[in-house]
Amino acid sequence: MKNNSNTKFLQYLSENNMSEYKYIQLTNGDHLFTILHFPENKTGFLKLKQPLKLSMKENDHHIQFGFMPWIPFTDDEVIPLSAKAIVTIANLNEEYIELY
């Protein structure tokens, strides 16, 4: 039953895809910027191209953020991600696409 909901989630995302540049929040709390490709077949996995993990630090006066490779010890450009690990996906706006 849960696998069916993941398939419906992927189908919804692929039908409502406005941009390939995405912000993804994962169930473990990670925040990713990536180019997202939806697979033709419904495997329950998405393909992330060069995903970057967002790190944020906040103090009384500033919010600082930086990026690092999400999977740092590989040369693979495309990383599979299980739909089960996703809390939400949103399109990146132009300002953050330039940062990516």
PDB file of N, CA and C in Angstrom:
ATOM      1  N   MET A   1       0.816  -1.186   0.000  1.00  0.00           N
ATOM      2  CA  MET A   1       0.000   0.000   0.000  1.00  0.00           C
ATOM      3  C   MET A   1       0.866   1.258   0.000  1.00  0.00           C
ATOM      4  N   LYS A   2       1.911   1.285   0.850  1.00  0.00           N
ATOM      5  CA  LYS A   2       2.785   2.442   0.916  1.00  0.00           C
ATOM      6  C   LYS A   2       3.523   2.662  -0.403  1.00  0.00           C
ATOM      7  N   ASN A   3       3.957   1.580  -1.043  1.00  0.00           N
ATOM      8  CA  ASN A   3       4.630   1.679  -2.329  1.00  0.00           C
ATOM      9  C   ASN A   3       3.721   2.337  -3.362  1.00  0.00           C
ATOM     10  N   ASN A   4       2.427   2.042  -3.323  1.00  0.00           N
ATOM     11  CA  ASN A   4       1.467   2.639  -4.234  1.00  0.00           C
ATOM     12  C   ASN A   4       1.380   4.147  -4.010  1.00  0.00           C
ATOM     13  N   SER A   5       1.432   4.617  -2.750  1.00  0.00           N
ATOM     14  CA  SER A   5       1.381   6.046  -2.478  1.00  0.00           C
ATOM     15  C   SER A   5       2.644   6.736  -2.982  1.00  0.00           C
ATOM     16  N   ASN A   6       3.800   6.072  -2.904  1.00  0.00           N
ATOM     17  CA  ASN A   6       5.033   6.634  -3.456  1.00  0.00           C
ATOM     18  C   ASN A   6       4.934   6.769  -4.965  1.00  0.00           C
ATOM     19  N   THR A   7       4.346   5.790  -5.627  1.00  0.00           N
ATOM     20  CA  THR A   7       4.171   5.849  -7.080  1.00  0.00           C
ATOM     21  C   THR A   7       3.249   6.992  -7.457  1.00  0.00           C
ATOM     22  N   LYS A   8       2.178   7.182  -6.691  1.00  0.00           N
ATOM     23  CA  LYS A   8       1.260   8.297  -6.958  1.00  0.00           C
ATOM     24  C   LYS A   8       1.950   9.632  -6.730  1.00  0.00           C
ATOM     25  N   PHE A   9       2.787   9.707  -5.709  1.00  0.00           N
ATOM     26  CA  PHE A   9       3.556  10.912  -5.426  1.00  0.00           C
ATOM     27  C   PHE A   9       4.464  11.255  -6.603  1.00  0.00           C
ATOM     28  N   LEU A  10       5.197  10.261  -7.111  1.00  0.00           N
ATOM     29  CA  LEU A  10       6.082  10.485  -8.254  1.00  0.00           C
ATOM     30  C   LEU A  10       5.293  10.892  -9.496  1.00  0.00           C
ATOM     31  N   GLN A  11       4.160  10.274  -9.717  1.00  0.00           N
ATOM     32  CA  GLN A  11       3.326  10.619 -10.864  1.00  0.00           C
ATOM     33  C   GLN A  11       2.841  12.064 -10.746  1.00  0.00           C
ATOM     34  N   TYR A  12       2.395  12.463  -9.564  1.00  0.00           N
ATOM     35  CA  TYR A  12       1.949  13.838  -9.343  1.00  0.00           C
ATOM     36  C   TYR A  12       3.077  14.816  -9.636  1.00  0.00           C
ATOM     37  N   LEU A  13       4.273  14.534  -9.116  1.00  0.00           N
ATOM     38  CA  LEU A  13       5.409  15.422  -9.332  1.00  0.00           C
ATOM     39  C   LEU A  13       5.769  15.541 -10.808  1.00  0.00           C
ATOM     40  N   SER A  14       5.790  14.428 -11.512  1.00  0.00           N
ATOM     41  CA  SER A  14       6.177  14.467 -12.918  1.00  0.00           C
ATOM     42  C   SER A  14       5.142  15.204 -13.758  1.00  0.00           C
ATOM     43  N   GLU A  15       3.870  15.110 -13.401  1.00  0.00           N
ATOM     44  CA  GLU A  15       2.822  15.802 -14.153  1.00  0.00           C
ATOM     45  C   GLU A  15       2.786  17.291 -13.848  1.00  0.00           C
ATOM     46  N   ASN A  16       3.277  17.699 -12.677  1.00  0.00           N
ATOM     47  CA  ASN A  16       3.238  19.096 -12.260  1.00  0.00           C
ATOM     48  C   ASN A  16       4.624  19.718 -12.209  1.00  0.00           C
ATOM     49  N   ASN A  17       5.545  19.183 -12.977  1.00  0.00           N
ATOM     50  CA  ASN A  17       6.930  19.629 -12.989  1.00  0.00           C
ATOM     51  C   ASN A  17       7.052  20.942 -13.757  1.00  0.00           C
ATOM     52  N   MET A  18       7.403  22.028 -13.074  1.00  0.00           N
ATOM     53  CA  MET A  18       7.531  23.331 -13.711  1.00  0.00           C
ATOM     54  C   MET A  18       8.981  23.627 -14.095  1.00  0.00           C
ATOM     55  N   SER A  19       9.920  23.125 -13.367  1.00  0.00           N
ATOM     56  CA  SER A  19      11.331  23.400 -13.577  1.00  0.00           C
ATOM     57  C   SER A  19      12.114  22.163 -13.182  1.00  0.00           C
ATOM     58  N   GLU A  20      13.261  21.973 -13.797  1.00  0.00           N
ATOM     59  CA  GLU A  20      14.087  20.832 -13.401  1.00  0.00           C
ATOM     60  C   GLU A  20      14.943  21.153 -12.168  1.00  0.00           C
ATOM     61  N   TYR A  21      15.072  22.431 -11.816  1.00  0.00           N
ATOM     62  CA  TYR A  21      15.858  22.836 -10.651  1.00  0.00           C
ATOM     63  C   TYR A  21      14.970  22.790  -9.413  1.00  0.00           C
ATOM     64  N   LYS A  22      15.358  21.959  -8.437  1.00  0.00           N
ATOM     65  CA  LYS A  22      14.493  21.703  -7.297  1.00  0.00           C
ATOM     66  C   LYS A  22      15.201  21.878  -5.958  1.00  0.00           C
ATOM     67  N   TYR A  23      14.386  22.227  -4.969  1.00  0.00           N
ATOM     68  CA  TYR A  23      14.744  22.181  -3.565  1.00  0.00           C
ATOM     69  C   TYR A  23      14.023  20.950  -3.005  1.00  0.00           C
ATOM     70  N   ILE A  24      14.759  20.087  -2.326  1.00  0.00           N
ATOM     71  CA  ILE A  24      14.177  18.875  -1.753  1.00  0.00           C
ATOM     72  C   ILE A  24      14.509  18.831  -0.267  1.00  0.00           C
ATOM     73  N   GLN A  25      13.482  18.620   0.550  1.00  0.00           N
ATOM     74  CA  GLN A  25      13.712  18.384   1.969  1.00  0.00           C
ATOM     75  C   GLN A  25      13.509  16.902   2.224  1.00  0.00           C
ATOM     76  N   LEU A  26      14.479  16.284   2.883  1.00  0.00           N
ATOM     77  CA  LEU A  26      14.446  14.853   3.154  1.00  0.00           C
ATOM     78  C   LEU A  26      13.936  14.566   4.555  1.00  0.00           C
ATOM     79  N   THR A  27      13.513  13.343   4.762  1.00  0.00           N
ATOM     80  CA  THR A  27      12.997  12.929   6.065  1.00  0.00           C
ATOM     81  C   THR A  27      14.062  12.999   7.160  1.00  0.00           C
ATOM     82  N   ASN A  28      15.335  12.930   6.804  1.00  0.00           N
ATOM     83  CA  ASN A  28      16.412  13.015   7.797  1.00  0.00           C
ATOM     84  C   ASN A  28      16.791  14.458   8.121  1.00  0.00           C
ATOM     85  N   GLY A  29      16.103  15.431   7.497  1.00  0.00           N
ATOM     86  CA  GLY A  29      16.358  16.838   7.765  1.00  0.00           C
ATOM     87  C   GLY A  29      17.272  17.512   6.761  1.00  0.00           C
ATOM     88  N   ASP A  30      17.910  16.762   5.870  1.00  0.00           N
ATOM     89  CA  ASP A  30      18.770  17.368   4.854  1.00  0.00           C
ATOM     90  C   ASP A  30      17.953  18.216   3.890  1.00  0.00           C
ATOM     91  N   HIS A  31      18.574  19.300   3.418  1.00  0.00           N
ATOM     92  CA  HIS A  31      17.991  20.174   2.404  1.00  0.00           C
ATOM     93  C   HIS A  31      18.904  20.108   1.191  1.00  0.00           C
ATOM     94  N   LEU A  32      18.346  19.803   0.013  1.00  0.00           N
ATOM     95  CA  LEU A  32      19.145  19.631  -1.196  1.00  0.00           C
ATOM     96  C   LEU A  32      18.715  20.597  -2.285  1.00  0.00           C
ATOM     97  N   PHE A  33      19.683  21.066  -3.063  1.00  0.00           N
ATOM     98  CA  PHE A  33      19.442  21.739  -4.331  1.00  0.00           C
ATOM     99  C   PHE A  33      19.918  20.761  -5.395  1.00  0.00           C
ATOM    100  N   THR A  34      19.131  20.572  -6.448  1.00  0.00           N
ATOM    101  CA  THR A  34      19.504  19.593  -7.464  1.00  0.00           C
ATOM    102  C   THR A  34      18.769  19.835  -8.768  1.00  0.00           C
ATOM    103  N   ILE A  35      19.239  19.191  -9.803  1.00  0.00           N
ATOM    104  CA  ILE A  35      18.482  19.053 -11.044  1.00  0.00           C
ATOM    105  C   ILE A  35      17.818  17.692 -10.944  1.00  0.00           C
ATOM    106  N   LEU A  36      16.507  17.678 -11.049  1.00  0.00           N
ATOM    107  CA  LEU A  36      15.731  16.474 -10.809  1.00  0.00           C
ATOM    108  C   LEU A  36      15.205  15.905 -12.117  1.00  0.00           C
ATOM    109  N   HIS A  37      15.401  14.604 -12.286  1.00  0.00           N
ATOM    110  CA  HIS A  37      14.868  13.890 -13.449  1.00  0.00           C
ATOM    111  C   HIS A  37      13.911  12.817 -12.954  1.00  0.00           C
ATOM    112  N   PHE A  38      12.725  12.813 -13.529  1.00  0.00           N
ATOM    113  CA  PHE A  38      11.735  11.808 -13.184  1.00  0.00           C
ATOM    114  C   PHE A  38      11.905  10.614 -14.114  1.00  0.00           C
ATOM    115  N   PRO A  39      11.995   9.424 -13.558  1.00  0.00           N
ATOM    116  CA  PRO A  39      12.166   8.238 -14.408  1.00  0.00           C
ATOM    117  C   PRO A  39      10.907   7.946 -15.212  1.00  0.00           C
ATOM    118  N   GLU A  40      11.107   7.359 -16.379  1.00  0.00           N
ATOM    119  CA  GLU A  40       9.971   6.964 -17.227  1.00  0.00           C
ATOM    120  C   GLU A  40       9.139   5.881 -16.537  1.00  0.00           C
ATOM    121  N   ASN A  41       9.825   4.888 -15.978  1.00  0.00           N
ATOM    122  CA  ASN A  41       9.102   3.824 -15.276  1.00  0.00           C
ATOM    123  C   ASN A  41       9.006   4.178 -13.799  1.00  0.00           C
ATOM    124  N   LYS A  42       7.962   3.758 -13.173  1.00  0.00           N
ATOM    125  CA  LYS A  42       7.680   4.099 -11.774  1.00  0.00           C
ATOM    126  C   LYS A  42       8.388   3.108 -10.844  1.00  0.00           C
ATOM    127  N   THR A  43       9.651   3.375 -10.548  1.00  0.00           N
ATOM    128  CA  THR A  43      10.461   2.487  -9.713  1.00  0.00           C
ATOM    129  C   THR A  43      10.436   2.881  -8.246  1.00  0.00           C
ATOM    130  N   GLY A  44       9.948   4.080  -7.939  1.00  0.00           N
ATOM    131  CA  GLY A  44       9.995   4.581  -6.571  1.00  0.00           C
ATOM    132  C   GLY A  44      11.255   5.379  -6.286  1.00  0.00           C
ATOM    133  N   PHE A  45      12.090   5.589  -7.330  1.00  0.00           N
ATOM    134  CA  PHE A  45      13.320   6.355  -7.184  1.00  0.00           C
ATOM    135  C   PHE A  45      13.322   7.535  -8.144  1.00  0.00           C
ATOM    136  N   LEU A  46      13.892   8.647  -7.687  1.00  0.00           N
ATOM    137  CA  LEU A  46      14.128   9.813  -8.525  1.00  0.00           C
ATOM    138  C   LEU A  46      15.614   9.857  -8.855  1.00  0.00           C
ATOM    139  N   LYS A  47      15.971  10.586  -9.907  1.00  0.00           N
ATOM    140  CA  LYS A  47      17.376  10.750 -10.270  1.00  0.00           C
ATOM    141  C   LYS A  47      17.781  12.190  -9.999  1.00  0.00           C
ATOM    142  N   LEU A  48      18.765  12.365  -9.103  1.00  0.00           N
ATOM    143  CA  LEU A  48      19.267  13.688  -8.753  1.00  0.00           C
ATOM    144  C   LEU A  48      20.596  13.914  -9.460  1.00  0.00           C
ATOM    145  N   LYS A  49      20.678  15.002 -10.205  1.00  0.00           N
ATOM    146  CA  LYS A  49      21.924  15.326 -10.901  1.00  0.00           C
ATOM    147  C   LYS A  49      22.699  16.343 -10.066  1.00  0.00           C
ATOM    148  N   GLN A  50      23.908  15.975  -9.670  1.00  0.00           N
ATOM    149  CA  GLN A  50      24.813  16.785  -8.870  1.00  0.00           C
ATOM    150  C   GLN A  50      24.102  17.443  -7.677  1.00  0.00           C
ATOM    151  N   PRO A  51      23.516  16.646  -6.783  1.00  0.00           N
ATOM    152  CA  PRO A  51      22.816  17.230  -5.636  1.00  0.00           C
ATOM    153  C   PRO A  51      23.782  17.886  -4.653  1.00  0.00           C
ATOM    154  N   LEU A  52      23.401  19.074  -4.198  1.00  0.00           N
ATOM    155  CA  LEU A  52      24.177  19.801  -3.206  1.00  0.00           C
ATOM    156  C   LEU A  52      23.381  19.896  -1.912  1.00  0.00           C
ATOM    157  N   LYS A  53      24.050  19.646  -0.808  1.00  0.00           N
ATOM    158  CA  LYS A  53      23.424  19.750   0.509  1.00  0.00           C
ATOM    159  C   LYS A  53      23.598  21.180   1.017  1.00  0.00           C
ATOM    160  N   LEU A  54      22.507  21.758   1.478  1.00  0.00           N
ATOM    161  CA  LEU A  54      22.511  23.107   2.027  1.00  0.00           C
ATOM    162  C   LEU A  54      22.800  23.035   3.516  1.00  0.00           C
ATOM    163  N   SER A  55      23.759  23.846   3.974  1.00  0.00           N
ATOM    164  CA  SER A  55      24.002  23.947   5.413  1.00  0.00           C
ATOM    165  C   SER A  55      23.776  25.397   5.816  1.00  0.00           C
ATOM    166  N   MET A  56      23.103  25.583   6.944  1.00  0.00           N
ATOM    167  CA  MET A  56      22.773  26.935   7.409  1.00  0.00           C
ATOM    168  C   MET A  56      23.256  27.118   8.844  1.00  0.00           C
ATOM    169  N   LYS A  57      23.772  28.312   9.106  1.00  0.00           N
ATOM    170  CA  LYS A  57      24.154  28.713  10.455  1.00  0.00           C
ATOM    171  C   LYS A  57      23.504  30.061  10.729  1.00  0.00           C
ATOM    172  N   GLU A  58      22.936  30.179  11.916  1.00  0.00           N
ATOM    173  CA  GLU A  58      22.222  31.400  12.268  1.00  0.00           C
ATOM    174  C   GLU A  58      22.751  31.930  13.593  1.00  0.00           C
ATOM    175  N   ASN A  59      22.970  33.254  13.637  1.00  0.00           N
ATOM    176  CA  ASN A  59      23.279  33.894  14.908  1.00  0.00           C
ATOM    177  C   ASN A  59      22.322  35.070  15.082  1.00  0.00           C
ATOM    178  N   ASP A  60      22.586  35.942  16.034  1.00  0.00           N
ATOM    179  CA  ASP A  60      21.663  37.043  16.322  1.00  0.00           C
ATOM    180  C   ASP A  60      21.516  38.034  15.170  1.00  0.00           C
ATOM    181  N   HIS A  61      22.527  38.119  14.304  1.00  0.00           N
ATOM    182  CA  HIS A  61      22.536  39.156  13.276  1.00  0.00           C
ATOM    183  C   HIS A  61      22.500  38.637  11.846  1.00  0.00           C
ATOM    184  N   HIS A  62      22.873  37.402  11.629  1.00  0.00           N
ATOM    185  CA  HIS A  62      23.023  36.904  10.264  1.00  0.00           C
ATOM    186  C   HIS A  62      22.554  35.451  10.132  1.00  0.00           C
ATOM    187  N   ILE A  63      22.209  35.125   8.914  1.00  0.00           N
ATOM    188  CA  ILE A  63      22.012  33.730   8.528  1.00  0.00           C
ATOM    189  C   ILE A  63      23.008  33.456   7.420  1.00  0.00           C
ATOM    190  N   GLN A  64      23.860  32.476   7.620  1.00  0.00           N
ATOM    191  CA  GLN A  64      24.850  32.103   6.617  1.00  0.00           C
ATOM    192  C   GLN A  64      24.500  30.731   6.085  1.00  0.00           C
ATOM    193  N   PHE A  65      24.702  30.556   4.793  1.00  0.00           N
ATOM    194  CA  PHE A  65      24.505  29.233   4.246  1.00  0.00           C
ATOM    195  C   PHE A  65      25.564  28.917   3.225  1.00  0.00           C
ATOM    196  N   GLY A  66      25.801  27.628   3.057  1.00  0.00           N
ATOM    197  CA  GLY A  66      26.785  27.147   2.109  1.00  0.00           C
ATOM    198  C   GLY A  66      26.329  25.817   1.540  1.00  0.00           C
ATOM    199  N   PHE A  67      27.082  25.340   0.572  1.00  0.00           N
ATOM    200  CA  PHE A  67      26.736  24.096  -0.100  1.00  0.00           C
ATOM    201  C   PHE A  67      27.924  23.161  -0.106  1.00  0.00           C
ATOM    202  N   MET A  68      27.611  21.879  -0.079  1.00  0.00           N
ATOM    203  CA  MET A  68      28.630  20.849  -0.246  1.00  0.00           C
ATOM    204  C   MET A  68      27.983  19.693  -0.987  1.00  0.00           C
ATOM    205  N   PRO A  69      28.769  18.856  -1.643  1.00  0.00           N
ATOM    206  CA  PRO A  69      28.165  17.697  -2.313  1.00  0.00           C
ATOM    207  C   PRO A  69      27.387  16.857  -1.306  1.00  0.00           C
ATOM    208  N   TRP A  70      26.209  16.420  -1.699  1.00  0.00           N
ATOM    209  CA  TRP A  70      25.382  15.604  -0.808  1.00  0.00           C
ATOM    210  C   TRP A  70      26.064  14.260  -0.547  1.00  0.00           C
ATOM    211  N   ILE A  71      26.611  13.654  -1.582  1.00  0.00           N
ATOM    212  CA  ILE A  71      27.383  12.417  -1.460  1.00  0.00           C
ATOM    213  C   ILE A  71      28.817  12.787  -1.864  1.00  0.00           C
ATOM    214  N   PRO A  72      29.665  13.129  -0.880  1.00  0.00           N
ATOM    215  CA  PRO A  72      30.955  13.746  -1.208  1.00  0.00           C
ATOM    216  C   PRO A  72      32.022  12.825  -1.783  1.00  0.00           C
ATOM    217  N   PHE A  73      31.911  11.520  -1.625  1.00  0.00           N
ATOM    218  CA  PHE A  73      33.026  10.646  -1.995  1.00  0.00           C
ATOM    219  C   PHE A  73      32.744   9.839  -3.248  1.00  0.00           C
ATOM    220  N   THR A  74      32.113  10.471  -4.230  1.00  0.00           N
ATOM    221  CA  THR A  74      31.837   9.805  -5.492  1.00  0.00           C
ATOM    222  C   THR A  74      32.007  10.790  -6.638  1.00  0.00           C
ATOM    223  N   ASP A  75      32.307  10.261  -7.801  1.00  0.00           N
ATOM    224  CA  ASP A  75      32.352  11.069  -9.014  1.00  0.00           C
ATOM    225  C   ASP A  75      31.064  10.932  -9.818  1.00  0.00           C
ATOM    226  N   ASP A  76      30.126  10.125  -9.314  1.00  0.00           N
ATOM    227  CA  ASP A  76      28.854   9.948 -10.005  1.00  0.00           C
ATOM    228  C   ASP A  76      28.121  11.279 -10.077  1.00  0.00           C
ATOM    229  N   GLU A  77      27.618  11.620 -11.251  1.00  0.00           N
ATOM    230  CA  GLU A  77      26.863  12.858 -11.406  1.00  0.00           C
ATOM    231  C   GLU A  77      25.387  12.660 -11.103  1.00  0.00           C
ATOM    232  N   VAL A  78      24.884  11.449 -11.264  1.00  0.00           N
ATOM    233  CA  VAL A  78      23.473  11.162 -11.022  1.00  0.00           C
ATOM    234  C   VAL A  78      23.362  10.189  -9.848  1.00  0.00           C
ATOM    235  N   ILE A  79      22.562  10.594  -8.854  1.00  0.00           N
ATOM    236  CA  ILE A  79      22.389   9.808  -7.635  1.00  0.00           C
ATOM    237  C   ILE A  79      20.907   9.434  -7.515  1.00  0.00           C
ATOM    238  N   PRO A  80      20.582   8.159  -7.321  1.00  0.00           N
ATOM    239  CA  PRO A  80      19.179   7.787  -7.112  1.00  0.00           C
ATOM    240  C   PRO A  80      18.735   8.134  -5.694  1.00  0.00           C
ATOM    241  N   LEU A  81      17.474   8.517  -5.554  1.00  0.00           N
ATOM    242  CA  LEU A  81      16.895   8.838  -4.253  1.00  0.00           C
ATOM    243  C   LEU A  81      15.523   8.202  -4.165  1.00  0.00           C
ATOM    244  N   SER A  82      15.280   7.464  -3.107  1.00  0.00           N
ATOM    245  CA  SER A  82      13.987   6.835  -2.880  1.00  0.00           C
ATOM    246  C   SER A  82      12.945   7.898  -2.552  1.00  0.00           C
ATOM    247  N   ALA A  83      11.784   7.795  -3.156  1.00  0.00           N
ATOM    248  CA  ALA A  83      10.691   8.729  -2.877  1.00  0.00           C
ATOM    249  C   ALA A  83      10.279   8.670  -1.410  1.00  0.00           C
ATOM    250  N   LYS A  84      10.531   7.554  -0.735  1.00  0.00           N
ATOM    251  CA  LYS A  84      10.194   7.405   0.679  1.00  0.00           C
ATOM    252  C   LYS A  84      10.966   8.379   1.563  1.00  0.00           C
ATOM    253  N   ALA A  85      12.121   8.854   1.084  1.00  0.00           N
ATOM    254  CA  ALA A  85      12.988   9.716   1.875  1.00  0.00           C
ATOM    255  C   ALA A  85      12.637  11.202   1.743  1.00  0.00           C
ATOM    256  N   ILE A  86      11.607  11.529   0.977  1.00  0.00           N
ATOM    257  CA  ILE A  86      11.287  12.928   0.665  1.00  0.00           C
ATOM    258  C   ILE A  86      10.129  13.424   1.513  1.00  0.00           C
ATOM    259  N   VAL A  87      10.315  14.613   2.104  1.00  0.00           N
ATOM    260  CA  VAL A  87       9.232  15.301   2.793  1.00  0.00           C
ATOM    261  C   VAL A  87       8.506  16.193   1.793  1.00  0.00           C
ATOM    262  N   THR A  88       9.279  17.003   1.042  1.00  0.00           N
ATOM    263  CA  THR A  88       8.669  17.896   0.059  1.00  0.00           C
ATOM    264  C   THR A  88       9.666  18.267  -1.023  1.00  0.00           C
ATOM    265  N   ILE A  89       9.120  18.711  -2.150  1.00  0.00           N
ATOM    266  CA  ILE A  89       9.909  19.184  -3.282  1.00  0.00           C
ATOM    267  C   ILE A  89       9.293  20.486  -3.750  1.00  0.00           C
ATOM    268  N   ALA A  90      10.146  21.475  -4.060  1.00  0.00           N
ATOM    269  CA  ALA A  90       9.670  22.756  -4.595  1.00  0.00           C
ATOM    270  C   ALA A  90      10.607  23.216  -5.690  1.00  0.00           C
ATOM    271  N   ASN A  91      10.086  24.044  -6.588  1.00  0.00           N
ATOM    272  CA  ASN A  91      10.916  24.642  -7.627  1.00  0.00           C
ATOM    273  C   ASN A  91      11.823  25.701  -7.007  1.00  0.00           C
ATOM    274  N   LEU A  92      13.080  25.765  -7.475  1.00  0.00           N
ATOM    275  CA  LEU A  92      13.978  26.835  -7.050  1.00  0.00           C
ATOM    276  C   LEU A  92      13.622  28.110  -7.808  1.00  0.00           C
ATOM    277  N   ASN A  93      13.685  29.259  -7.123  1.00  0.00           N
ATOM    278  CA  ASN A  93      13.475  30.511  -7.850  1.00  0.00           C
ATOM    279  C   ASN A  93      14.766  30.911  -8.554  1.00  0.00           C
ATOM    280  N   GLU A  94      14.689  31.917  -9.399  1.00  0.00           N
ATOM    281  CA  GLU A  94      15.830  32.309 -10.255  1.00  0.00           C
ATOM    282  C   GLU A  94      17.083  32.642  -9.455  1.00  0.00           C
ATOM    283  N   GLU A  95      16.941  33.323  -8.328  1.00  0.00           N
ATOM    284  CA  GLU A  95      18.087  33.717  -7.511  1.00  0.00           C
ATOM    285  C   GLU A  95      18.880  32.487  -7.047  1.00  0.00           C
ATOM    286  N   TYR A  96      18.158  31.432  -6.629  1.00  0.00           N
ATOM    287  CA  TYR A  96      18.840  30.247  -6.117  1.00  0.00           C
ATOM    288  C   TYR A  96      19.305  29.326  -7.240  1.00  0.00           C
ATOM    289  N   ILE A  97      18.668  29.395  -8.394  1.00  0.00           N
ATOM    290  CA  ILE A  97      19.175  28.632  -9.552  1.00  0.00           C
ATOM    291  C   ILE A  97      20.566  29.158  -9.901  1.00  0.00           C
ATOM    292  N   GLU A  98      20.757  30.478  -9.848  1.00  0.00           N
ATOM    293  CA  GLU A  98      22.074  31.061 -10.136  1.00  0.00           C
ATOM    294  C   GLU A  98      23.111  30.615  -9.121  1.00  0.00           C
ATOM    295  N   LEU A  99      22.733  30.506  -7.832  1.00  0.00           N
ATOM    296  CA  LEU A  99      23.659  30.013  -6.806  1.00  0.00           C
ATOM    297  C   LEU A  99      24.041  28.562  -7.043  1.00  0.00           C
ATOM    298  N   TYR A 100      23.064  27.769  -7.481  1.00  0.00           N
ATOM    299  CA  TYR A 100      23.309  26.353  -7.715  1.00  0.00           C
ATOM    300  C   TYR A 100      24.291  26.196  -8.854  1.00  0.00           C
TER     301      TYR A 100
END
